[in-house]
Structures are given as C-alpha cells and as structure tokens.
Amino acid sequence: VTEALLLRLEKQTAADGARLVIFYVPPPAAVYDADVPGGSYPALPAGRLGQLCAKHGIPFIDPTLEMKELARTSRQRLYFKKDGHWTEEGHRAAGKMLAKALRHIL
C-alpha cells in the first residue's frame, strides 16, 4: 500500500511540474534511545521507506543519525517529552538538515 501511495504521489507531483522528495521524520524514540525500553528503536520503518524510494528513484532524506548526534550533544531537547512533537530547536535542526540535503538533490 505504501509503495502504491508513493507512486501515486510521485505521479501527481510530476504532473504539477515538481519533484517529489521524501523527508523522513524520525519518532522521538529513534532519536532518544534512552526513552525506549531496551535502549534501541528499530531502524526498520525508515529502512523500508528508503528502499521503496530508491527502487523508484525518489530522493529520500533520513535525518535520524544526524538528529541522534545533535540530541546527544545538545543541551536542548529536539522533541517535547509529552507529545513527541518537535521543539523549536527540533524544527530549527530539521530545517537545516532539509536545506542541506536539498542543495545536493536539486
């Protein structure tokens, strides 16, 4: 189902004269392993989505490792603990990562 949706989204994006780029938003547990029972979040969802994108030539940006490193070194959280949304710092970091990746893609 995910593959079919991606292809449909890519087709519609191309019809509108644009290029589809997928930016994976890692869940807080993937960035803060300490918040996960057992200490490690599986990389499976991002890996499968990345494989589907690669199969169809859709650029895929996965900021998980970079966000993990930033979370390790930053004094500010990237996600709110209560609801899992990005904090201001998380939005800033994701925006920088997205801009950097798009410069190489476009």
C-alpha atoms as a PDB file:
ATOM      1  CA  VAL A   1       0.000   0.000   0.000  1.00  0.00           C
ATOM      2  CA  THR A   2       2.816   2.402   0.890  1.00  0.00           C
ATOM      3  CA  GLU A   3       4.508   1.783  -2.442  1.00  0.00           C
ATOM      4  CA  ALA A   4       1.289   2.432  -4.356  1.00  0.00           C
ATOM      5  CA  LEU A   5       0.715   5.664  -2.432  1.00  0.00           C
ATOM      6  CA  LEU A   6       4.273   6.834  -3.076  1.00  0.00           C
ATOM      7  CA  LEU A   7       3.937   6.178  -6.797  1.00  0.00           C
ATOM      8  CA  ARG A   8       0.610   7.989  -6.922  1.00  0.00           C
ATOM      9  CA  LEU A   9       2.078  10.939  -5.037  1.00  0.00           C
ATOM     10  CA  GLU A  10       5.101  10.986  -7.347  1.00  0.00           C
ATOM     11  CA  LYS A  11       2.865  10.924 -10.422  1.00  0.00           C
ATOM     12  CA  GLN A  12       0.728  13.809  -9.155  1.00  0.00           C
ATOM     13  CA  THR A  13       3.803  15.804  -8.122  1.00  0.00           C
ATOM     14  CA  ALA A  14       5.319  15.362 -11.576  1.00  0.00           C
ATOM     15  CA  ALA A  15       2.027  16.345 -13.211  1.00  0.00           C
ATOM     16  CA  ASP A  16       2.219  19.590 -11.262  1.00  0.00           C
ATOM     17  CA  GLY A  17       5.744  20.192 -12.608  1.00  0.00           C
ATOM     18  CA  ALA A  18       7.530  19.430  -9.356  1.00  0.00           C
ATOM     19  CA  ARG A  19       9.773  16.701  -7.997  1.00  0.00           C
ATOM     20  CA  LEU A  20       8.834  14.519  -5.056  1.00  0.00           C
ATOM     21  CA  VAL A  21      11.335  14.359  -2.203  1.00  0.00           C
ATOM     22  CA  ILE A  22      10.589  12.352   0.936  1.00  0.00           C
ATOM     23  CA  PHE A  23      11.853  13.716   4.262  1.00  0.00           C
ATOM     24  CA  TYR A  24      11.541  11.063   6.955  1.00  0.00           C
ATOM     25  CA  VAL A  25      10.558  12.407  10.365  1.00  0.00           C
ATOM     26  CA  PRO A  26      12.052  10.055  12.919  1.00  0.00           C
ATOM     27  CA  PRO A  27       9.978   9.373  16.017  1.00  0.00           C
ATOM     28  CA  PRO A  28      11.443  10.624  19.297  1.00  0.00           C
ATOM     29  CA  ALA A  29      12.296   7.061  20.313  1.00  0.00           C
ATOM     30  CA  ALA A  30      14.608   6.745  17.301  1.00  0.00           C
ATOM     31  CA  VAL A  31      16.497   9.859  18.392  1.00  0.00           C
ATOM     32  CA  TYR A  32      16.434   9.340  22.152  1.00  0.00           C
ATOM     33  CA  ASP A  33      17.187   5.637  22.604  1.00  0.00           C
ATOM     34  CA  ALA A  34      17.255   6.162  26.357  1.00  0.00           C
ATOM     35  CA  ASP A  35      13.496   6.770  26.195  1.00  0.00           C
ATOM     36  CA  VAL A  36      12.921   3.302  24.704  1.00  0.00           C
ATOM     37  CA  PRO A  37      12.593   0.163  26.829  1.00  0.00           C
ATOM     38  CA  GLY A  38      15.631  -1.925  25.947  1.00  0.00           C
ATOM     39  CA  GLY A  39      17.515   1.164  24.740  1.00  0.00           C
ATOM     40  CA  SER A  40      17.209   0.968  20.954  1.00  0.00           C
ATOM     41  CA  TYR A  41      14.495   1.873  18.442  1.00  0.00           C
ATOM     42  CA  PRO A  42      14.366  -0.303  15.301  1.00  0.00           C
ATOM     43  CA  ALA A  43      15.525   1.323  12.070  1.00  0.00           C
ATOM     44  CA  LEU A  44      13.094  -0.805  10.097  1.00  0.00           C
ATOM     45  CA  PRO A  45      10.452   1.829   9.138  1.00  0.00           C
ATOM     46  CA  ALA A  46      12.982   4.279   7.706  1.00  0.00           C
ATOM     47  CA  GLY A  47      14.906   1.474   6.036  1.00  0.00           C
ATOM     48  CA  ARG A  48      11.869   0.101   4.241  1.00  0.00           C
ATOM     49  CA  LEU A  49      10.695   3.535   3.150  1.00  0.00           C
ATOM     50  CA  GLY A  50      14.206   4.357   1.932  1.00  0.00           C
ATOM     51  CA  GLN A  51      14.313   1.129  -0.075  1.00  0.00           C
ATOM     52  CA  LEU A  52      10.986   1.898  -1.731  1.00  0.00           C
ATOM     53  CA  CYS A  53      12.147   5.385  -2.618  1.00  0.00           C
ATOM     54  CA  ALA A  54      15.457   4.098  -4.008  1.00  0.00           C
ATOM     55  CA  LYS A  55      13.613   1.492  -6.072  1.00  0.00           C
ATOM     56  CA  HIS A  56      11.638   4.250  -7.785  1.00  0.00           C
ATOM     57  CA  GLY A  57      14.302   6.965  -7.911  1.00  0.00           C
ATOM     58  CA  ILE A  58      12.589   9.156  -5.327  1.00  0.00           C
ATOM     59  CA  PRO A  59      15.049  11.164  -3.229  1.00  0.00           C
ATOM     60  CA  PHE A  60      14.824  10.112   0.426  1.00  0.00           C
ATOM     61  CA  ILE A  61      16.218  12.131   3.305  1.00  0.00           C
ATOM     62  CA  ASP A  62      16.625  10.379   6.646  1.00  0.00           C
ATOM     63  CA  PRO A  63      17.936  12.763   9.330  1.00  0.00           C
ATOM     64  CA  THR A  64      17.826  10.160  12.126  1.00  0.00           C
ATOM     65  CA  LEU A  65      21.578   9.730  12.645  1.00  0.00           C
ATOM     66  CA  GLU A  66      22.268  13.457  12.476  1.00  0.00           C
ATOM     67  CA  MET A  67      19.427  14.174  14.901  1.00  0.00           C
ATOM     68  CA  LYS A  68      20.682  11.468  17.269  1.00  0.00           C
ATOM     69  CA  GLU A  69      24.095  13.075  17.311  1.00  0.00           C
ATOM     70  CA  LEU A  70      22.637  16.522  17.868  1.00  0.00           C
ATOM     71  CA  ALA A  71      20.423  15.189  20.663  1.00  0.00           C
ATOM     72  CA  ARG A  72      23.476  13.643  22.297  1.00  0.00           C
ATOM     73  CA  THR A  73      25.479  16.872  22.220  1.00  0.00           C
ATOM     74  CA  SER A  74      22.755  19.497  22.658  1.00  0.00           C
ATOM     75  CA  ARG A  75      21.561  20.821  25.984  1.00  0.00           C
ATOM     76  CA  GLN A  76      18.090  21.359  24.484  1.00  0.00           C
ATOM     77  CA  ARG A  77      15.636  18.608  23.593  1.00  0.00           C
ATOM     78  CA  LEU A  78      14.587  18.263  19.966  1.00  0.00           C
ATOM     79  CA  TYR A  79      11.202  16.758  20.883  1.00  0.00           C
ATOM     80  CA  PHE A  80       8.727  17.516  23.628  1.00  0.00           C
ATOM     81  CA  LYS A  81       8.569  14.618  26.085  1.00  0.00           C
ATOM     82  CA  LYS A  82       4.774  14.703  26.442  1.00  0.00           C
ATOM     83  CA  ASP A  83       3.558  14.575  22.854  1.00  0.00           C
ATOM     84  CA  GLY A  84       6.547  13.781  20.640  1.00  0.00           C
ATOM     85  CA  HIS A  85       6.342  16.923  18.501  1.00  0.00           C
ATOM     86  CA  TRP A  86       9.479  18.867  17.683  1.00  0.00           C
ATOM     87  CA  THR A  87      10.508  21.685  19.952  1.00  0.00           C
ATOM     88  CA  GLU A  88      11.698  24.975  18.469  1.00  0.00           C
ATOM     89  CA  GLU A  89      15.227  23.525  18.465  1.00  0.00           C
ATOM     90  CA  GLY A  90      13.978  20.378  16.719  1.00  0.00           C
ATOM     91  CA  HIS A  91      12.309  22.422  13.986  1.00  0.00           C
ATOM     92  CA  ARG A  92      15.437  24.511  13.527  1.00  0.00           C
ATOM     93  CA  ALA A  93      17.639  21.413  13.274  1.00  0.00           C
ATOM     94  CA  ALA A  94      15.303  19.631  10.853  1.00  0.00           C
ATOM     95  CA  GLY A  95      15.072  22.732   8.666  1.00  0.00           C
ATOM     96  CA  LYS A  96      18.853  22.979   8.445  1.00  0.00           C
ATOM     97  CA  MET A  97      19.168  19.283   7.623  1.00  0.00           C
ATOM     98  CA  LEU A  98      16.482  19.521   4.962  1.00  0.00           C
ATOM     99  CA  ALA A  99      18.047  22.603   3.356  1.00  0.00           C
ATOM    100  CA  LYS A 100      21.473  20.945   3.310  1.00  0.00           C
ATOM    101  CA  ALA A 101      20.108  17.770   1.716  1.00  0.00           C
ATOM    102  CA  LEU A 102      18.045  19.652  -0.880  1.00  0.00           C
ATOM    103  CA  ARG A 103      21.123  21.559  -2.063  1.00  0.00           C
ATOM    104  CA  HIS A 104      22.622  18.191  -3.075  1.00  0.00           C
ATOM    105  CA  ILE A 105      19.414  16.828  -4.605  1.00  0.00           C
ATOM    106  CA  LEU A 106      18.122  19.765  -6.610  1.00  0.00           C
END
